[in-house]
């Protein structure tokens, strides 16, 4: 599944993560790293939503940011 919102919306969601969820981005990235090894984007989004009860938009932004940072580590 691809990201369905604009880059501006993505940045706004990331900026508001700590206010909306009580956790900042590095904490969410660690949760994904420590969580189940789902390969599909949507499976990771569904897991975050089920495990932590966060909104779909925030879960999508977290997974997308995780993918961006992981790609940068490997290809950057």
Protein backbone atom coordinates (compact mmCIF):
# COMPACT_ATOMS: atom_id res chain seq x y z
CA UNK A 1 0.00 0.00 0.00
CA UNK A 2 1.34 3.39 -0.91
CA UNK A 3 1.11 6.53 1.14
CA UNK A 4 -2.19 8.23 0.30
CA UNK A 5 -1.63 11.70 1.66
CA UNK A 6 0.53 14.58 0.47
CA UNK A 7 4.04 15.25 1.73
CA UNK A 8 2.70 18.33 3.52
CA UNK A 9 0.05 16.27 5.30
CA UNK A 10 2.68 13.66 6.18
CA UNK A 11 4.93 16.31 7.73
CA UNK A 12 2.00 17.76 9.69
CA UNK A 13 1.07 14.32 11.03
CA UNK A 14 4.66 13.64 12.08
CA UNK A 15 4.93 17.06 13.73
CA UNK A 16 1.77 16.41 15.78
CA UNK A 17 2.58 12.82 16.76
CA UNK A 18 3.65 13.52 20.32
CA UNK A 19 0.63 15.74 20.98
CA UNK A 20 -1.83 13.30 19.41
CA UNK A 21 -0.35 10.04 20.71
CA UNK A 22 1.74 10.92 23.76
CA UNK A 23 4.87 9.50 22.10
CA UNK A 24 7.41 11.13 19.84
CA UNK A 25 8.58 9.78 16.49
CA UNK A 26 11.74 8.01 17.77
CA UNK A 27 9.59 6.07 20.26
CA UNK A 28 7.22 4.99 17.48
CA UNK A 29 10.12 3.96 15.26
CA UNK A 30 11.49 1.82 18.09
CA UNK A 31 8.06 0.26 18.57
CA UNK A 32 8.05 -0.75 14.90
CA UNK A 33 11.59 -2.10 15.13
CA UNK A 34 10.71 -4.12 18.24
CA UNK A 35 7.31 -5.26 16.95
CA UNK A 36 6.38 -8.10 14.63
CA UNK A 37 8.35 -8.36 11.39
CA UNK A 38 5.50 -7.58 9.00
CA UNK A 39 6.71 -6.94 5.47
CA UNK A 40 3.65 -5.23 4.03
CA UNK A 41 3.05 -1.53 4.71
CA UNK A 42 -0.63 -2.05 5.50
CA UNK A 43 0.10 -4.90 7.93
CA UNK A 44 2.39 -2.62 9.93
CA UNK A 45 -0.25 0.14 9.90
CA UNK A 46 -2.91 -2.30 11.10
CA UNK A 47 -0.62 -3.60 13.84
CA UNK A 48 0.08 -0.08 15.17
CA UNK A 49 -3.61 0.73 15.16
CA UNK A 50 -4.59 -2.50 16.93
CA UNK A 51 -1.70 -2.52 19.41
CA UNK A 52 -1.73 1.17 20.36
CA UNK A 53 -5.17 2.44 19.33
CA UNK A 54 -3.84 5.29 17.21
CA UNK A 55 -5.55 6.88 14.22
CA UNK A 56 -5.00 5.49 10.73
CA UNK A 57 -3.35 8.71 9.52
CA UNK A 58 -0.82 8.71 12.34
CA UNK A 59 -0.07 5.02 11.91
CA UNK A 60 0.44 5.54 8.18
CA UNK A 61 2.76 8.49 8.81
CA UNK A 62 4.82 6.46 11.30
CA UNK A 63 5.23 3.51 8.94
CA UNK A 64 6.05 5.79 6.01
CA UNK A 65 8.66 7.66 8.06
CA UNK A 66 10.11 4.35 9.22
CA UNK A 67 10.43 3.21 5.60
CA UNK A 68 12.06 6.51 4.58
CA UNK A 69 14.61 6.35 7.39
CA UNK A 70 15.36 2.68 6.81
CA UNK A 71 15.93 3.32 3.08
CA UNK A 72 18.22 6.22 3.91
CA UNK A 73 20.30 3.97 6.19
CA UNK A 74 20.71 1.37 3.46
CA UNK A 75 20.91 3.52 0.35
CA UNK A 76 21.93 6.94 1.65
